[in-house]
Amino acid sequence: MPTVLLTGFEPFAGDTVNPSGDAVRVVADRWTGPERLVTDVLPVTFEGAIARVAALLDEHRPDIVIATGLAGGRHAVTPERVAVNLADAWLPDNAGARPQDAPVVEGGPAAYFATLPVKAIRAAIGGADIPASVSHTAGTFVCNATMYAALHATAGTSVRAGFVHVPWGAETAPEGMPSLPFDQIVDALTIAVRVSLDVEVDATAPGGAVS
């Protein structure tokens, strides 16, 4: 029976909620399988998130890894296409660390492409009338570091891994921030899990960006 590891994050930067962590908990509560779904909420720290993902991979031996996090300025759910070997924080993480121009993994390749069916995930989420688009940058903060670490740890194996950014949930979004209804975020992540299990070869469809 396939195992999926689905993670979100705790609140950070003074926020009291993080829709990624909250949504992952609800996905777990509603999951009906038949596949095994393992969920966890990661600390928003470079060192802690990477260590926790490594421990979860070792403990559960998942077939699929989907990490999720908050991209507060985005209007849509955005499966990430690439993670870069760069930790460059403009604000401290929750442990006070603020790396600049540092590698996520010393000696690792410059970047990894997601091994999830990114375009198929986007298409399926959009097909459910939830705004979605492919993203080509996961940033240089803890989300990117987590995606890079997961891909580095699973490189050369049959494990498929990637990252999905979500916007604020409308019910808890700071004033003026783009958002989606929280239930749509939950539905989008559930769809991402289902597509990752069911689709082995990604869709051939436009997904690039001009800038």
C-alpha atoms as a PDB file:
ATOM      1  CA  MET A   1       0.000   0.000   0.000  1.00  0.00           C
ATOM      2  CA  PRO A   2       1.540   3.356  -1.013  1.00  0.00           C
ATOM      3  CA  THR A   3       2.401   5.854   1.709  1.00  0.00           C
ATOM      4  CA  VAL A   4       2.126   9.610   1.243  1.00  0.00           C
ATOM      5  CA  LEU A   5       3.887  12.093   3.521  1.00  0.00           C
ATOM      6  CA  LEU A   6       2.058  15.433   3.600  1.00  0.00           C
ATOM      7  CA  THR A   7       3.500  18.289   5.655  1.00  0.00           C
ATOM      8  CA  GLY A   8       2.579  21.870   6.471  1.00  0.00           C
ATOM      9  CA  PHE A   9       4.161  24.540   8.639  1.00  0.00           C
ATOM     10  CA  GLU A  10       3.548  26.182  11.974  1.00  0.00           C
ATOM     11  CA  PRO A  11       2.847  29.954  12.107  1.00  0.00           C
ATOM     12  CA  PHE A  12       5.796  32.293  11.638  1.00  0.00           C
ATOM     13  CA  ALA A  13       6.787  35.964  11.535  1.00  0.00           C
ATOM     14  CA  GLY A  14       4.396  36.803  14.355  1.00  0.00           C
ATOM     15  CA  ASP A  15       1.330  35.232  12.714  1.00  0.00           C
ATOM     16  CA  THR A  16      -1.026  33.219  14.906  1.00  0.00           C
ATOM     17  CA  VAL A  17      -2.095  30.782  12.150  1.00  0.00           C
ATOM     18  CA  ASN A  18      -0.576  29.127   9.118  1.00  0.00           C
ATOM     19  CA  PRO A  19      -3.135  27.768   6.642  1.00  0.00           C
ATOM     20  CA  SER A  20      -0.741  25.106   5.370  1.00  0.00           C
ATOM     21  CA  GLY A  21      -0.409  23.426   8.754  1.00  0.00           C
ATOM     22  CA  ASP A  22      -4.102  23.848   9.509  1.00  0.00           C
ATOM     23  CA  ALA A  23      -5.116  22.414   6.116  1.00  0.00           C
ATOM     24  CA  VAL A  24      -2.823  19.400   6.434  1.00  0.00           C
ATOM     25  CA  ARG A  25      -4.529  18.482   9.716  1.00  0.00           C
ATOM     26  CA  VAL A  26      -7.966  18.675   8.089  1.00  0.00           C
ATOM     27  CA  VAL A  27      -6.837  16.637   5.073  1.00  0.00           C
ATOM     28  CA  ALA A  28      -5.701  13.947   7.517  1.00  0.00           C
ATOM     29  CA  ASP A  29      -9.012  14.021   9.387  1.00  0.00           C
ATOM     30  CA  ARG A  30     -10.994  13.635   6.148  1.00  0.00           C
ATOM     31  CA  TRP A  31      -8.730  11.100   4.447  1.00  0.00           C
ATOM     32  CA  THR A  32     -10.516   7.901   3.467  1.00  0.00           C
ATOM     33  CA  GLY A  33      -7.611   6.187   1.708  1.00  0.00           C
ATOM     34  CA  PRO A  34      -7.130   3.417   0.849  1.00  0.00           C
ATOM     35  CA  GLU A  35      -3.521   4.611   0.748  1.00  0.00           C
ATOM     36  CA  ARG A  36      -1.682   5.468   3.964  1.00  0.00           C
ATOM     37  CA  LEU A  37      -1.442   9.195   4.620  1.00  0.00           C
ATOM     38  CA  VAL A  38       1.139  10.467   7.122  1.00  0.00           C
ATOM     39  CA  THR A  39       0.948  14.138   8.066  1.00  0.00           C
ATOM     40  CA  ASP A  40       3.100  16.448  10.117  1.00  0.00           C
ATOM     41  CA  VAL A  41       3.444  20.160  10.875  1.00  0.00           C
ATOM     42  CA  LEU A  42       7.024  21.336  10.549  1.00  0.00           C
ATOM     43  CA  PRO A  43       8.819  24.076  12.456  1.00  0.00           C
ATOM     44  CA  VAL A  44       9.578  27.200  10.462  1.00  0.00           C
ATOM     45  CA  THR A  45      13.309  26.876  11.000  1.00  0.00           C
ATOM     46  CA  PHE A  46      15.924  25.947   8.443  1.00  0.00           C
ATOM     47  CA  GLU A  47      17.617  23.402  10.680  1.00  0.00           C
ATOM     48  CA  GLY A  48      14.477  22.030  12.281  1.00  0.00           C
ATOM     49  CA  ALA A  49      12.413  21.585   9.115  1.00  0.00           C
ATOM     50  CA  ILE A  50      15.209  19.791   7.269  1.00  0.00           C
ATOM     51  CA  ALA A  51      15.907  17.517  10.240  1.00  0.00           C
ATOM     52  CA  ARG A  52      12.224  16.732  10.726  1.00  0.00           C
ATOM     53  CA  VAL A  53      11.731  15.814   7.059  1.00  0.00           C
ATOM     54  CA  ALA A  54      14.766  13.526   7.231  1.00  0.00           C
ATOM     55  CA  ALA A  55      13.355  11.829  10.331  1.00  0.00           C
ATOM     56  CA  LEU A  56       9.927  11.380   8.731  1.00  0.00           C
ATOM     57  CA  LEU A  57      11.467   9.899   5.589  1.00  0.00           C
ATOM     58  CA  ASP A  58      13.471   7.466   7.687  1.00  0.00           C
ATOM     59  CA  GLU A  59      10.533   6.487   9.899  1.00  0.00           C
ATOM     60  CA  HIS A  60       7.754   6.147   7.326  1.00  0.00           C
ATOM     61  CA  ARG A  61       9.554   5.366   4.032  1.00  0.00           C
ATOM     62  CA  PRO A  62       6.929   7.206   1.961  1.00  0.00           C
ATOM     63  CA  ASP A  63       6.399   6.700  -1.757  1.00  0.00           C
ATOM     64  CA  ILE A  64       5.320  10.318  -2.219  1.00  0.00           C
ATOM     65  CA  VAL A  65       6.334  13.469  -0.333  1.00  0.00           C
ATOM     66  CA  ILE A  66       4.251  16.642  -0.611  1.00  0.00           C
ATOM     67  CA  ALA A  67       5.402  19.532   1.532  1.00  0.00           C
ATOM     68  CA  THR A  68       3.158  22.583   1.716  1.00  0.00           C
ATOM     69  CA  GLY A  69       3.599  26.112   2.962  1.00  0.00           C
ATOM     70  CA  LEU A  70       2.151  29.608   2.968  1.00  0.00           C
ATOM     71  CA  ALA A  71       2.921  32.065   0.179  1.00  0.00           C
ATOM     72  CA  GLY A  72       1.133  35.048   1.648  1.00  0.00           C
ATOM     73  CA  GLY A  73       1.048  37.272  -1.415  1.00  0.00           C
ATOM     74  CA  ARG A  74      -0.301  34.718  -3.868  1.00  0.00           C
ATOM     75  CA  HIS A  75      -3.875  34.484  -5.108  1.00  0.00           C
ATOM     76  CA  ALA A  76      -3.773  30.797  -6.102  1.00  0.00           C
ATOM     77  CA  VAL A  77      -2.587  27.372  -5.042  1.00  0.00           C
ATOM     78  CA  THR A  78       0.801  26.942  -6.685  1.00  0.00           C
ATOM     79  CA  PRO A  79       2.608  23.621  -7.143  1.00  0.00           C
ATOM     80  CA  GLU A  80       6.321  24.390  -7.246  1.00  0.00           C
ATOM     81  CA  ARG A  81       8.464  23.263 -10.162  1.00  0.00           C
ATOM     82  CA  VAL A  82      11.998  23.860  -8.864  1.00  0.00           C
ATOM     83  CA  ALA A  83      13.946  24.175  -5.611  1.00  0.00           C
ATOM     84  CA  VAL A  84      17.331  25.911  -5.469  1.00  0.00           C
ATOM     85  CA  ASN A  85      20.329  25.204  -3.249  1.00  0.00           C
ATOM     86  CA  LEU A  86      20.178  28.616  -1.638  1.00  0.00           C
ATOM     87  CA  ALA A  87      19.152  29.781   1.824  1.00  0.00           C
ATOM     88  CA  ASP A  88      18.903  33.569   1.836  1.00  0.00           C
ATOM     89  CA  ALA A  89      16.509  34.922   4.464  1.00  0.00           C
ATOM     90  CA  TRP A  90      15.316  38.503   4.593  1.00  0.00           C
ATOM     91  CA  LEU A  91      13.692  37.799   7.968  1.00  0.00           C
ATOM     92  CA  PRO A  92      14.742  35.419  10.750  1.00  0.00           C
ATOM     93  CA  ASP A  93      13.183  31.977  11.004  1.00  0.00           C
ATOM     94  CA  ASN A  94      11.385  30.989  14.198  1.00  0.00           C
ATOM     95  CA  ALA A  95      14.709  30.077  15.825  1.00  0.00           C
ATOM     96  CA  GLY A  96      16.217  33.450  14.959  1.00  0.00           C
ATOM     97  CA  ALA A  97      18.450  32.096  12.192  1.00  0.00           C
ATOM     98  CA  ARG A  98      18.888  34.318   9.154  1.00  0.00           C
ATOM     99  CA  PRO A  99      21.257  32.626   6.683  1.00  0.00           C
ATOM    100  CA  GLN A 100      22.468  34.683   3.754  1.00  0.00           C
ATOM    101  CA  ASP A 101      23.918  33.307   0.498  1.00  0.00           C
ATOM    102  CA  ALA A 102      24.253  29.858   2.103  1.00  0.00           C
ATOM    103  CA  PRO A 103      23.647  26.457   0.526  1.00  0.00           C
ATOM    104  CA  VAL A 104      20.759  24.339   1.761  1.00  0.00           C
ATOM    105  CA  VAL A 105      22.969  21.270   1.297  1.00  0.00           C
ATOM    106  CA  GLU A 106      26.716  21.811   1.165  1.00  0.00           C
ATOM    107  CA  GLY A 107      28.038  20.438  -2.125  1.00  0.00           C
ATOM    108  CA  GLY A 108      24.561  19.686  -3.482  1.00  0.00           C
ATOM    109  CA  PRO A 109      23.508  20.523  -7.052  1.00  0.00           C
ATOM    110  CA  ALA A 110      22.323  24.040  -7.827  1.00  0.00           C
ATOM    111  CA  ALA A 111      18.699  22.972  -8.160  1.00  0.00           C
ATOM    112  CA  TYR A 112      16.240  20.099  -8.317  1.00  0.00           C
ATOM    113  CA  PHE A 113      13.061  19.841 -10.322  1.00  0.00           C
ATOM    114  CA  ALA A 114      10.004  18.496  -8.505  1.00  0.00           C
ATOM    115  CA  THR A 115       9.360  14.844  -9.225  1.00  0.00           C
ATOM    116  CA  LEU A 116       5.612  15.213  -8.644  1.00  0.00           C
ATOM    117  CA  PRO A 117       3.258  15.622 -11.650  1.00  0.00           C
ATOM    118  CA  VAL A 118       3.178  19.395 -11.192  1.00  0.00           C
ATOM    119  CA  LYS A 119       1.143  20.306 -14.288  1.00  0.00           C
ATOM    120  CA  ALA A 120      -1.375  17.536 -13.710  1.00  0.00           C
ATOM    121  CA  ILE A 121      -1.840  18.757 -10.135  1.00  0.00           C
ATOM    122  CA  ARG A 122      -2.412  22.298 -11.342  1.00  0.00           C
ATOM    123  CA  ALA A 123      -4.907  21.136 -13.963  1.00  0.00           C
ATOM    124  CA  ALA A 124      -6.871  19.024 -11.499  1.00  0.00           C
ATOM    125  CA  ILE A 125      -7.057  21.789  -8.901  1.00  0.00           C
ATOM    126  CA  GLY A 126      -8.136  24.255 -11.567  1.00  0.00           C
ATOM    127  CA  GLY A 127     -10.685  21.740 -12.809  1.00  0.00           C
ATOM    128  CA  ALA A 128     -12.269  21.869  -9.365  1.00  0.00           C
ATOM    129  CA  ASP A 129     -12.759  25.643  -9.818  1.00  0.00           C
ATOM    130  CA  ILE A 130      -9.956  26.466  -7.391  1.00  0.00           C
ATOM    131  CA  PRO A 131      -7.424  29.044  -8.656  1.00  0.00           C
ATOM    132  CA  ALA A 132      -4.122  27.309  -9.384  1.00  0.00           C
ATOM    133  CA  SER A 133      -0.948  27.885 -11.372  1.00  0.00           C
ATOM    134  CA  VAL A 134       2.519  26.399 -11.715  1.00  0.00           C
ATOM    135  CA  SER A 135       5.174  28.346  -9.820  1.00  0.00           C
ATOM    136  CA  HIS A 136       8.819  28.492 -10.847  1.00  0.00           C
ATOM    137  CA  THR A 137      10.212  29.800  -7.582  1.00  0.00           C
ATOM    138  CA  ALA A 138       9.732  28.498  -4.070  1.00  0.00           C
ATOM    139  CA  GLY A 139      11.702  31.456  -2.730  1.00  0.00           C
ATOM    140  CA  THR A 140      14.849  31.174  -0.620  1.00  0.00           C
ATOM    141  CA  PHE A 141      13.308  30.758   2.833  1.00  0.00           C
ATOM    142  CA  VAL A 142      12.364  27.609   4.767  1.00  0.00           C
ATOM    143  CA  CYS A 143       9.802  26.416   2.184  1.00  0.00           C
ATOM    144  CA  ASN A 144      12.428  26.219  -0.538  1.00  0.00           C
ATOM    145  CA  ALA A 145      14.930  24.643   1.849  1.00  0.00           C
ATOM    146  CA  THR A 146      12.405  21.969   2.790  1.00  0.00           C
ATOM    147  CA  MET A 147      11.589  21.203  -0.840  1.00  0.00           C
ATOM    148  CA  TYR A 148      15.265  21.067  -1.763  1.00  0.00           C
ATOM    149  CA  ALA A 149      16.122  18.818   1.182  1.00  0.00           C
ATOM    150  CA  ALA A 150      13.287  16.410   0.354  1.00  0.00           C
ATOM    151  CA  LEU A 151      14.348  16.198  -3.289  1.00  0.00           C
ATOM    152  CA  HIS A 152      17.996  15.784  -2.326  1.00  0.00           C
ATOM    153  CA  ALA A 153      17.153  12.972   0.079  1.00  0.00           C
ATOM    154  CA  THR A 154      15.019  11.155  -2.500  1.00  0.00           C
ATOM    155  CA  ALA A 155      17.189  11.792  -5.576  1.00  0.00           C
ATOM    156  CA  GLY A 156      17.891   8.611  -7.497  1.00  0.00           C
ATOM    157  CA  THR A 157      15.081   6.698  -5.792  1.00  0.00           C
ATOM    158  CA  SER A 158      11.519   5.895  -6.828  1.00  0.00           C
ATOM    159  CA  VAL A 159      10.158   8.344  -4.245  1.00  0.00           C
ATOM    160  CA  ARG A 160       8.464  11.357  -5.804  1.00  0.00           C
ATOM    161  CA  ALA A 161       8.602  14.655  -3.978  1.00  0.00           C
ATOM    162  CA  GLY A 162       7.656  18.289  -4.314  1.00  0.00           C
ATOM    163  CA  PHE A 163       6.031  21.313  -2.745  1.00  0.00           C
ATOM    164  CA  VAL A 164       2.716  23.150  -2.964  1.00  0.00           C
ATOM    165  CA  HIS A 165       2.328  26.743  -1.814  1.00  0.00           C
ATOM    166  CA  VAL A 166      -1.077  27.941  -0.633  1.00  0.00           C
ATOM    167  CA  PRO A 167      -2.428  31.459  -0.117  1.00  0.00           C
ATOM    168  CA  TRP A 168      -4.002  32.728   3.054  1.00  0.00           C
ATOM    169  CA  GLY A 169      -7.306  31.216   4.105  1.00  0.00           C
ATOM    170  CA  ALA A 170     -10.005  33.854   3.730  1.00  0.00           C
ATOM    171  CA  GLU A 171     -11.192  33.326   7.287  1.00  0.00           C
ATOM    172  CA  THR A 172      -7.834  34.244   8.850  1.00  0.00           C
ATOM    173  CA  ALA A 173      -6.076  36.357   6.204  1.00  0.00           C
ATOM    174  CA  PRO A 174      -4.569  39.662   7.288  1.00  0.00           C
ATOM    175  CA  GLU A 175      -6.534  42.599   5.958  1.00  0.00           C
ATOM    176  CA  GLY A 176      -5.848  43.285   2.291  1.00  0.00           C
ATOM    177  CA  MET A 177      -4.015  40.011   1.617  1.00  0.00           C
ATOM    178  CA  PRO A 178      -5.063  37.703  -1.235  1.00  0.00           C
ATOM    179  CA  SER A 179      -6.853  34.607   0.012  1.00  0.00           C
ATOM    180  CA  LEU A 180      -9.004  31.601  -0.774  1.00  0.00           C
ATOM    181  CA  PRO A 181     -11.718  29.986   1.333  1.00  0.00           C
ATOM    182  CA  PHE A 182     -10.011  27.580   3.715  1.00  0.00           C
ATOM    183  CA  ASP A 183     -12.074  24.627   2.500  1.00  0.00           C
ATOM    184  CA  GLN A 184     -10.766  25.242  -1.028  1.00  0.00           C
ATOM    185  CA  ILE A 185      -7.205  25.014   0.280  1.00  0.00           C
ATOM    186  CA  VAL A 186      -8.051  21.714   1.973  1.00  0.00           C
ATOM    187  CA  ASP A 187      -9.673  20.440  -1.219  1.00  0.00           C
ATOM    188  CA  ALA A 188      -6.683  21.541  -3.296  1.00  0.00           C
ATOM    189  CA  LEU A 189      -4.216  19.645  -1.111  1.00  0.00           C
ATOM    190  CA  THR A 190      -6.429  16.566  -1.151  1.00  0.00           C
ATOM    191  CA  ILE A 191      -6.469  16.767  -4.947  1.00  0.00           C
ATOM    192  CA  ALA A 192      -2.672  17.146  -5.005  1.00  0.00           C
ATOM    193  CA  VAL A 193      -2.332  13.934  -2.994  1.00  0.00           C
ATOM    194  CA  ARG A 194      -4.782  12.049  -5.192  1.00  0.00           C
ATOM    195  CA  VAL A 195      -3.163  13.167  -8.456  1.00  0.00           C
ATOM    196  CA  SER A 196       0.319  12.362  -7.157  1.00  0.00           C
ATOM    197  CA  LEU A 197      -0.861   8.837  -6.401  1.00  0.00           C
ATOM    198  CA  ASP A 198      -2.730   8.320  -9.660  1.00  0.00           C
ATOM    199  CA  VAL A 199      -0.587  10.101 -12.272  1.00  0.00           C
ATOM    200  CA  GLU A 200       2.843   8.701 -13.072  1.00  0.00           C
ATOM    201  CA  VAL A 201       3.644  10.823 -16.145  1.00  0.00           C
ATOM    202  CA  ASP A 202       2.974  14.542 -15.896  1.00  0.00           C
ATOM    203  CA  ALA A 203       0.593  16.289 -18.265  1.00  0.00           C
ATOM    204  CA  THR A 204       1.941  17.988 -21.377  1.00  0.00           C
ATOM    205  CA  ALA A 205       0.521  21.485 -21.159  1.00  0.00           C
ATOM    206  CA  PRO A 206       1.701  25.095 -21.055  1.00  0.00           C
ATOM    207  CA  GLY A 207       3.009  26.027 -17.639  1.00  0.00           C
ATOM    208  CA  GLY A 208       5.839  28.445 -18.214  1.00  0.00           C
ATOM    209  CA  ALA A 209       6.172  32.117 -17.408  1.00  0.00           C
ATOM    210  CA  VAL A 210       7.359  35.129 -19.381  1.00  0.00           C
ATOM    211  CA  SER A 211       8.839  36.844 -16.335  1.00  0.00           C
END
